[in-house]
Amino acid sequence: MEDLKKVINEIIKEDIIKIVLSNKMNKDVTYNKITFVLKENKEKEYYQVEKYTEKQVFHENIDIDKLEEKVLEYVCGNYKQVSAWSKSDTFEVKISKKGKLLLSKKKEDNIKLVNKEHNKEKNYMLREGTIIQPLIDLGVFTKEGKIINSKYDKYKQINRFVEMIDDEVKKSGLEELTILDFGCGKSYLTFVLYYYFVEIKKLKVKMIGLDLKEDVIKKCNDIAKRYKYENLHFELGDINGFKYNNNVDMVITLHACDTATDYALYNAIKWNSKMIFSVPCCQHEFNKQIETESLSILTKYGIVKERIAALMTDTVRANLLESMGYKTQLLEFIDIAHSPKNLLIRASKDNISKEQKKKSLEEVNNLMNQFNLKPTLFKLLKEDNLI
């Protein structure tokens, strides 16, 4: 113990950025590993302690002068390895069951590690440490409001989605929102968005979720009551044919399959919705229709044909929205390594010039003629004499 205390003391004198305790002595040790990471806020520097189990991570913050005490408390009899990094050195301590120590030290430039740890301090829209019941029920947060380590990517994705929507709401200047969520499914994102705009942004929000599954709708309405989300409710219905007679500020459609996305966009346009957010899914329509003689190389290979058809589908949707007076973007909001369905159509009502509207529609017609395409959204708008 005295030898270990001496070694840890010598290491900590080196202005340590990070320490990791790993390689459990036995299976009864509670945490798989424990990390100590140097952090700072406006008031002071401190160490954040992260304790990892198989499914969760627990956090606590400690003062700088408590580092040695806490490292010794956790390592003794529990872990065989201590790894530590300062700005210029890397340390490794191996501990046998009999208490023998093997210390190694090598010179390394660890400035990138400093930057990496500080980058983790990004101010997310949904702050860790806050009790956000939808994120707890989704399994992203613990009951204490801490991020579950295996769900960190999901946490970042949700924050990114909320951030993209929040950007447009800020531009709109609206303090009251009516939001329709088509094909809401289990509705975790619906609940998260409602929480964010009502509890954090303090906006007046009326939100309606629509889905085809009766049991899903009942469950979502029960959850909304349990959360006391008074102006959030769910209705049973099909995107095609859903009627709503009041003003709509925002339409959201996440993973509505194939042409269901087109019906959602069509409704949003008819309602003159100020903002539209759509994550398309399963773009089969063009894949069945696409034919071309002069560019047959693009349809020769099945996987290429499928991907091109999907990209064309969303390009046409974006152009048609632009022709209807929406400033439209196609954005990647999830790293493709996590989900291939990572494209978001973001559209907001804007002063699009007649020339730009005309050009966008001409580009759609050119693509339709070249590849023998009959887009559902185009057909719906044409039938209503909107184009």
Protein backbone atom coordinates (compact mmCIF):
# COMPACT_ATOMS: atom_id res chain seq x y z
CA MET A 1 0.00 0.00 0.00
CA GLU A 2 2.80 2.45 0.90
CA ASP A 3 4.61 1.70 -2.36
CA LEU A 4 1.40 2.24 -4.38
CA LYS A 5 0.68 5.47 -2.52
CA LYS A 6 4.20 6.71 -3.30
CA VAL A 7 3.88 5.89 -7.01
CA ILE A 8 0.45 7.50 -7.35
CA ASN A 9 1.73 10.58 -5.52
CA GLU A 10 4.67 10.90 -7.92
CA ILE A 11 2.39 10.57 -10.96
CA ILE A 12 -0.15 13.12 -9.74
CA LYS A 13 2.58 15.74 -9.28
CA GLU A 14 2.88 15.79 -13.08
CA ASP A 15 -0.32 17.80 -13.73
CA ILE A 16 -2.35 14.84 -14.87
CA ILE A 17 -5.00 15.27 -17.58
CA LYS A 18 -6.55 11.84 -17.28
CA ILE A 19 -6.27 8.62 -15.23
CA VAL A 20 -7.88 5.27 -16.04
CA LEU A 21 -8.22 2.36 -13.60
CA SER A 22 -8.80 -0.91 -15.45
CA ASN A 23 -8.31 -4.69 -15.49
CA LYS A 24 -10.38 -5.79 -12.48
CA MET A 25 -8.76 -7.93 -9.78
CA ASN A 26 -11.85 -10.16 -9.62
CA LYS A 27 -15.42 -10.38 -10.93
CA ASP A 28 -16.88 -8.96 -7.70
CA VAL A 29 -15.45 -5.49 -8.38
CA THR A 30 -18.45 -3.28 -9.16
CA TYR A 31 -17.06 -1.15 -11.98
CA ASN A 32 -15.32 -2.39 -15.15
CA LYS A 33 -13.19 0.73 -15.21
CA ILE A 34 -13.00 4.17 -13.61
CA THR A 35 -11.71 7.32 -15.28
CA PHE A 36 -10.64 10.66 -13.81
CA VAL A 37 -10.73 13.47 -16.37
CA LEU A 38 -9.52 17.03 -15.81
CA LYS A 39 -12.30 19.55 -16.50
CA GLU A 40 -12.80 23.25 -15.98
CA ASN A 41 -15.65 25.71 -15.73
CA LYS A 42 -15.76 29.46 -15.19
CA GLU A 43 -14.95 29.07 -11.50
CA LYS A 44 -12.27 26.37 -11.23
CA GLU A 45 -10.64 23.19 -12.45
CA TYR A 46 -11.85 19.84 -11.14
CA TYR A 47 -11.81 16.14 -12.00
CA GLN A 48 -14.87 14.34 -13.33
CA VAL A 49 -15.00 10.72 -12.18
CA GLU A 50 -16.74 8.26 -14.53
CA LYS A 51 -17.51 4.77 -13.17
CA TYR A 52 -18.50 2.21 -15.80
CA THR A 53 -20.65 -0.90 -15.36
CA GLU A 54 -21.75 -3.12 -18.27
CA LYS A 55 -24.75 -0.91 -19.08
CA GLN A 56 -24.32 2.36 -17.22
CA VAL A 57 -21.87 5.07 -16.32
CA PHE A 58 -22.01 7.02 -13.06
CA HIS A 59 -20.48 10.45 -12.60
CA GLU A 60 -19.20 12.54 -9.75
CA ASN A 61 -17.00 15.64 -9.58
CA ILE A 62 -14.09 15.99 -7.15
CA ASP A 63 -11.77 18.84 -6.22
CA ILE A 64 -8.22 18.84 -7.60
CA ASP A 65 -6.70 18.15 -4.18
CA LYS A 66 -8.87 15.02 -3.72
CA LEU A 67 -7.48 13.19 -6.76
CA GLU A 68 -4.80 11.13 -5.00
CA GLU A 69 -7.17 10.14 -2.19
CA LYS A 70 -9.89 9.00 -4.62
CA VAL A 71 -7.54 7.11 -6.95
CA LEU A 72 -6.12 5.15 -4.01
CA GLU A 73 -9.59 4.51 -2.62
CA TYR A 74 -10.80 2.97 -5.87
CA VAL A 75 -7.66 1.17 -7.06
CA CYS A 76 -6.56 -0.72 -3.93
CA GLY A 77 -7.52 -4.39 -4.22
CA ASN A 78 -9.75 -3.67 -7.21
CA TYR A 79 -7.65 -3.00 -10.32
CA LYS A 80 -4.44 -4.33 -11.81
CA GLN A 81 -3.65 -1.34 -14.02
CA VAL A 82 -3.42 2.43 -13.69
CA SER A 83 -2.89 4.48 -16.87
CA ALA A 84 -2.23 8.21 -16.64
CA TRP A 85 -1.50 11.06 -19.05
CA SER A 86 0.04 14.50 -18.55
CA LYS A 87 0.70 16.95 -21.40
CA SER A 88 4.16 15.49 -22.01
CA ASP A 89 4.24 11.99 -20.44
CA THR A 90 2.31 8.72 -20.38
CA PHE A 91 2.43 6.46 -17.30
CA GLU A 92 1.51 2.80 -16.88
CA VAL A 93 1.36 1.08 -13.48
CA LYS A 94 0.75 -2.68 -13.33
CA ILE A 95 -0.21 -4.17 -9.96
CA SER A 96 -0.02 -7.87 -9.14
CA LYS A 97 -2.42 -9.56 -6.72
CA LYS A 98 0.43 -9.67 -4.21
CA GLY A 99 0.89 -5.90 -4.52
CA LYS A 100 4.04 -5.82 -6.64
CA LEU A 101 4.30 -2.77 -8.86
CA LEU A 102 5.70 -2.25 -12.33
CA LEU A 103 5.90 1.39 -13.44
CA SER A 104 6.70 2.59 -16.95
CA LYS A 105 6.95 6.16 -18.22
CA LYS A 106 7.50 7.51 -21.70
CA LYS A 107 7.65 10.94 -23.25
CA GLU A 108 4.61 11.70 -25.46
CA ASP A 109 2.88 14.81 -26.75
CA ASN A 110 -0.61 14.48 -25.28
CA ILE A 111 -1.95 17.89 -26.28
CA LYS A 112 -4.48 16.20 -28.60
CA LEU A 113 -5.83 14.34 -25.58
CA VAL A 114 -6.34 17.64 -23.78
CA ASN A 115 -8.28 19.01 -26.74
CA LYS A 116 -10.34 15.83 -27.03
CA GLU A 117 -11.40 15.96 -23.40
CA HIS A 118 -12.30 19.63 -23.64
CA ASN A 119 -14.30 18.99 -26.81
CA LYS A 120 -16.53 16.70 -24.76
CA GLU A 121 -17.65 19.79 -22.86
CA LYS A 122 -19.86 20.92 -25.75
CA ASN A 123 -23.03 22.54 -24.47
CA TYR A 124 -25.72 20.17 -25.67
CA MET A 125 -29.32 21.35 -25.91
CA LEU A 126 -30.41 18.61 -23.50
CA ARG A 127 -28.01 18.87 -20.59
CA GLU A 128 -26.69 15.87 -18.73
CA GLY A 129 -27.65 16.02 -15.06
CA THR A 130 -31.17 17.22 -15.91
CA ILE A 131 -34.07 14.88 -15.22
CA ILE A 132 -35.60 14.48 -18.69
CA GLN A 133 -38.13 11.68 -18.37
CA PRO A 134 -38.36 10.80 -22.11
CA LEU A 135 -34.57 10.27 -22.23
CA ILE A 136 -34.74 8.13 -19.09
CA ASP A 137 -37.52 5.99 -20.58
CA LEU A 138 -35.60 5.77 -23.85
CA GLY A 139 -32.63 4.38 -21.91
CA VAL A 140 -30.30 7.27 -22.78
CA PHE A 141 -30.23 8.74 -19.24
CA THR A 142 -30.10 7.06 -15.85
CA LYS A 143 -32.76 8.00 -13.30
CA GLU A 144 -30.25 10.55 -11.99
CA GLY A 145 -30.02 12.23 -15.42
CA LYS A 146 -26.59 10.84 -16.31
CA ILE A 147 -25.77 9.59 -19.81
CA ILE A 148 -25.56 5.81 -20.12
CA ASN A 149 -22.19 5.26 -21.78
CA SER A 150 -23.42 2.85 -24.47
CA LYS A 151 -26.07 5.44 -25.48
CA TYR A 152 -23.72 8.41 -25.92
CA ASP A 153 -24.01 8.33 -29.72
CA LYS A 154 -27.81 8.24 -29.47
CA TYR A 155 -27.63 11.20 -27.06
CA LYS A 156 -25.57 13.20 -29.59
CA GLN A 157 -27.97 12.30 -32.41
CA ILE A 158 -31.02 13.48 -30.46
CA ASN A 159 -29.27 16.72 -29.53
CA ARG A 160 -28.29 17.27 -33.15
CA PHE A 161 -31.87 16.79 -34.30
CA VAL A 162 -33.21 19.19 -31.65
CA GLU A 163 -30.49 21.70 -32.57
CA MET A 164 -31.45 21.65 -36.26
CA ILE A 165 -35.10 22.32 -35.45
CA ASP A 166 -34.26 24.95 -32.84
CA ASP A 167 -32.21 26.89 -35.41
CA GLU A 168 -35.27 27.34 -37.63
CA VAL A 169 -37.57 28.19 -34.73
CA LYS A 170 -35.15 30.94 -33.65
CA LYS A 171 -35.17 32.38 -37.18
CA SER A 172 -38.97 32.34 -37.27
CA GLY A 173 -39.25 34.40 -34.09
CA LEU A 174 -42.37 32.44 -33.11
CA GLU A 175 -43.29 32.19 -29.42
CA GLU A 176 -46.23 29.85 -30.03
CA LEU A 177 -45.99 26.67 -32.11
CA THR A 178 -48.46 24.20 -33.55
CA ILE A 179 -46.54 21.06 -34.50
CA LEU A 180 -47.78 17.97 -36.34
CA ASP A 181 -45.68 14.80 -36.19
CA PHE A 182 -46.63 12.31 -38.92
CA GLY A 183 -45.86 8.63 -38.36
CA CYS A 184 -44.73 9.34 -34.82
CA GLY A 185 -44.31 5.68 -33.78
CA LYS A 186 -43.19 5.30 -30.17
CA SER A 187 -42.71 9.08 -30.15
CA TYR A 188 -39.61 9.46 -28.01
CA LEU A 189 -38.40 12.33 -30.19
CA THR A 190 -41.88 13.86 -30.08
CA PHE A 191 -41.75 13.84 -26.27
CA VAL A 192 -38.20 15.20 -26.26
CA LEU A 193 -39.09 18.06 -28.60
CA TYR A 194 -42.17 18.95 -26.54
CA TYR A 195 -40.06 18.94 -23.38
CA TYR A 196 -37.39 21.11 -24.99
CA PHE A 197 -39.70 23.80 -26.36
CA VAL A 198 -42.03 23.93 -23.35
CA GLU A 199 -39.69 23.33 -20.39
CA ILE A 200 -36.44 24.85 -21.67
CA LYS A 201 -37.48 27.43 -24.29
CA LYS A 202 -40.73 28.32 -22.46
CA LEU A 203 -42.76 28.49 -25.68
CA LYS A 204 -46.48 27.78 -25.97
CA VAL A 205 -46.72 24.55 -27.91
CA LYS A 206 -49.59 22.48 -29.23
CA MET A 207 -48.32 19.18 -30.60
CA ILE A 208 -50.17 16.32 -32.32
CA GLY A 209 -48.68 12.92 -33.13
CA LEU A 210 -50.26 10.74 -35.82
CA ASP A 211 -49.80 7.00 -36.34
CA LEU A 212 -51.64 4.00 -37.77
CA LYS A 213 -51.23 1.71 -34.76
CA GLU A 214 -54.01 1.96 -32.19
CA ASP A 215 -51.98 0.41 -29.35
CA VAL A 216 -49.12 2.86 -30.01
CA ILE A 217 -51.48 5.85 -29.92
CA LYS A 218 -53.05 4.70 -26.64
CA LYS A 219 -49.67 4.15 -25.04
CA CYS A 220 -48.37 7.55 -26.19
CA ASN A 221 -51.44 9.36 -24.85
CA ASP A 222 -51.02 7.54 -21.52
CA ILE A 223 -47.35 8.60 -21.37
CA ALA A 224 -48.25 12.23 -22.19
CA LYS A 225 -50.69 12.22 -19.24
CA ARG A 226 -48.04 10.68 -16.96
CA TYR A 227 -45.54 13.35 -17.97
CA LYS A 228 -48.26 16.02 -17.56
CA TYR A 229 -47.66 17.26 -21.10
CA GLU A 230 -51.03 18.98 -21.36
CA ASN A 231 -50.85 20.16 -24.98
CA LEU A 232 -49.40 17.00 -26.48
CA HIS A 233 -51.78 14.35 -27.74
CA PHE A 234 -51.85 11.54 -30.28
CA GLU A 235 -54.39 10.55 -32.89
CA LEU A 236 -55.03 7.44 -34.95
CA GLY A 237 -54.86 8.15 -38.67
CA ASP A 238 -53.21 7.82 -42.05
CA ILE A 239 -50.88 10.51 -43.38
CA ASN A 240 -52.79 10.27 -46.66
CA GLY A 241 -56.11 11.97 -45.99
CA PHE A 242 -55.46 13.44 -42.54
CA LYS A 243 -57.46 16.64 -42.10
CA TYR A 244 -56.46 19.59 -39.95
CA ASN A 245 -58.23 22.92 -40.21
CA ASN A 246 -56.10 25.18 -38.02
CA ASN A 247 -52.78 26.90 -38.70
CA VAL A 248 -49.72 24.66 -38.69
CA ASP A 249 -46.28 26.07 -37.91
CA MET A 250 -44.23 22.91 -38.21
CA VAL A 251 -44.59 19.46 -39.77
CA ILE A 252 -42.26 16.64 -38.77
CA THR A 253 -42.09 13.27 -40.46
CA LEU A 254 -39.48 10.75 -39.32
CA HIS A 255 -38.94 7.54 -41.24
CA ALA A 256 -42.35 7.60 -42.95
CA CYS A 257 -41.97 4.73 -45.38
CA ASP A 258 -41.69 5.34 -49.13
CA THR A 259 -44.50 7.60 -50.49
CA ALA A 260 -45.90 8.28 -46.98
CA THR A 261 -43.21 10.98 -46.84
CA ASP A 262 -44.69 12.54 -50.01
CA TYR A 263 -48.17 12.71 -48.52
CA ALA A 264 -46.75 14.33 -45.37
CA LEU A 265 -44.89 16.95 -47.45
CA TYR A 266 -47.99 17.52 -49.59
CA ASN A 267 -50.12 18.19 -46.49
CA ALA A 268 -47.47 20.51 -45.07
CA ILE A 269 -47.45 22.51 -48.30
CA LYS A 270 -51.25 22.72 -48.41
CA TRP A 271 -51.34 23.96 -44.81
CA ASN A 272 -48.71 26.55 -45.70
CA SER A 273 -46.61 25.19 -42.82
CA LYS A 274 -43.77 27.54 -41.95
CA MET A 275 -41.25 24.75 -41.24
CA ILE A 276 -40.88 21.16 -42.45
CA PHE A 277 -38.49 18.50 -41.14
CA SER A 278 -38.48 15.12 -42.85
CA VAL A 279 -36.23 12.07 -42.52
CA PRO A 280 -37.29 9.84 -45.46
CA CYS A 281 -37.17 6.07 -45.37
CA CYS A 282 -37.45 3.19 -47.82
CA GLN A 283 -37.48 5.18 -51.08
CA HIS A 284 -38.80 2.37 -53.32
CA GLU A 285 -40.92 4.36 -55.80
CA PHE A 286 -38.17 5.56 -58.16
CA ASN A 287 -36.32 2.24 -57.98
CA LYS A 288 -39.33 0.57 -59.61
CA GLN A 289 -39.77 3.30 -62.25
CA ILE A 290 -36.28 4.37 -63.24
CA GLU A 291 -35.43 3.72 -66.91
CA THR A 292 -32.95 5.43 -69.20
CA GLU A 293 -31.23 4.54 -72.47
CA SER A 294 -28.51 7.17 -72.63
CA LEU A 295 -27.48 6.72 -68.97
CA SER A 296 -28.17 3.01 -68.53
CA ILE A 297 -24.88 2.60 -66.68
CA LEU A 298 -26.65 4.12 -63.66
CA THR A 299 -29.30 1.39 -63.64
CA LYS A 300 -27.09 -1.54 -64.66
CA TYR A 301 -26.06 -2.57 -61.13
CA GLY A 302 -28.77 -3.20 -58.56
CA ILE A 303 -27.10 -1.58 -55.56
CA VAL A 304 -26.11 1.51 -57.59
CA LYS A 305 -29.62 1.78 -59.02
CA GLU A 306 -31.14 1.57 -55.54
CA ARG A 307 -28.90 4.28 -54.09
CA ILE A 308 -29.26 6.62 -57.05
CA ALA A 309 -33.04 6.19 -56.98
CA ALA A 310 -33.12 7.06 -53.28
CA LEU A 311 -30.98 10.19 -53.78
CA MET A 312 -33.07 11.25 -56.77
CA THR A 313 -36.25 10.83 -54.73
CA ASP A 314 -35.10 13.27 -52.06
CA THR A 315 -33.58 15.66 -54.59
CA VAL A 316 -36.94 15.87 -56.37
CA ARG A 317 -38.72 16.42 -53.05
CA ALA A 318 -36.32 19.23 -52.15
CA ASN A 319 -36.78 20.92 -55.54
CA LEU A 320 -40.56 20.64 -55.38
CA LEU A 321 -40.53 22.23 -51.93
CA GLU A 322 -38.37 25.02 -53.34
CA SER A 323 -40.83 25.51 -56.20
CA MET A 324 -43.53 25.93 -53.52
CA GLY A 325 -41.63 28.77 -51.84
CA TYR A 326 -39.52 26.90 -49.28
CA LYS A 327 -35.82 27.44 -48.69
CA THR A 328 -34.74 23.80 -48.63
CA GLN A 329 -31.65 21.94 -47.47
CA LEU A 330 -30.63 18.29 -47.53
CA LEU A 331 -28.53 17.63 -44.44
CA GLU A 332 -26.70 14.72 -42.86
CA PHE A 333 -27.72 14.68 -39.20
CA ILE A 334 -26.40 11.26 -38.15
CA ASP A 335 -23.01 9.79 -39.02
CA ILE A 336 -23.64 7.18 -41.71
CA ALA A 337 -21.70 4.69 -39.56
CA HIS A 338 -24.63 4.73 -37.12
CA SER A 339 -27.53 4.78 -39.59
CA PRO A 340 -27.83 4.74 -43.40
CA LYS A 341 -31.11 6.70 -42.99
CA ASN A 342 -29.21 9.83 -42.16
CA LEU A 343 -30.61 12.44 -44.53
CA LEU A 344 -32.83 15.25 -43.27
CA ILE A 345 -34.94 17.49 -45.49
CA ARG A 346 -35.17 20.87 -43.75
CA ALA A 347 -37.47 23.42 -45.36
CA SER A 348 -38.67 26.83 -44.21
CA LYS A 349 -41.09 29.23 -45.88
CA ASP A 350 -39.09 32.02 -47.51
CA ASN A 351 -39.12 34.64 -50.25
CA ILE A 352 -38.03 32.40 -53.12
CA SER A 353 -37.91 34.33 -56.41
CA LYS A 354 -40.17 33.35 -59.30
CA GLU A 355 -37.08 32.58 -61.36
CA GLN A 356 -35.76 30.16 -58.74
CA LYS A 357 -39.14 28.46 -58.36
CA LYS A 358 -39.36 28.05 -62.13
CA LYS A 359 -35.82 26.69 -62.37
CA SER A 360 -36.42 24.15 -59.56
CA LEU A 361 -39.53 22.86 -61.31
CA GLU A 362 -37.77 22.67 -64.67
CA GLU A 363 -34.99 20.58 -63.10
CA VAL A 364 -37.60 18.15 -61.78
CA ASN A 365 -39.25 17.87 -65.19
CA ASN A 366 -35.88 17.27 -66.86
CA LEU A 367 -35.06 14.46 -64.43
CA MET A 368 -38.52 12.92 -64.83
CA ASN A 369 -38.20 12.90 -68.61
CA GLN A 370 -34.65 11.55 -68.61
CA PHE A 371 -35.39 8.65 -66.25
CA ASN A 372 -39.13 8.03 -66.86
CA LEU A 373 -40.08 9.02 -63.30
CA LYS A 374 -43.56 9.74 -61.92
CA PRO A 375 -43.05 11.18 -58.40
CA THR A 376 -46.01 10.96 -56.03
CA LEU A 377 -45.42 14.46 -54.62
CA PHE A 378 -45.35 15.92 -58.14
CA LYS A 379 -48.61 14.14 -59.00
CA LEU A 380 -50.35 15.38 -55.82
CA LEU A 381 -49.28 18.98 -56.41
CA LYS A 382 -50.28 18.76 -60.08
CA GLU A 383 -53.75 17.43 -59.24
CA ASP A 384 -54.29 20.40 -56.92
CA ASN A 385 -53.08 22.83 -59.63
CA LEU A 386 -50.26 23.95 -57.35
CA ILE A 387 -47.69 23.42 -60.11
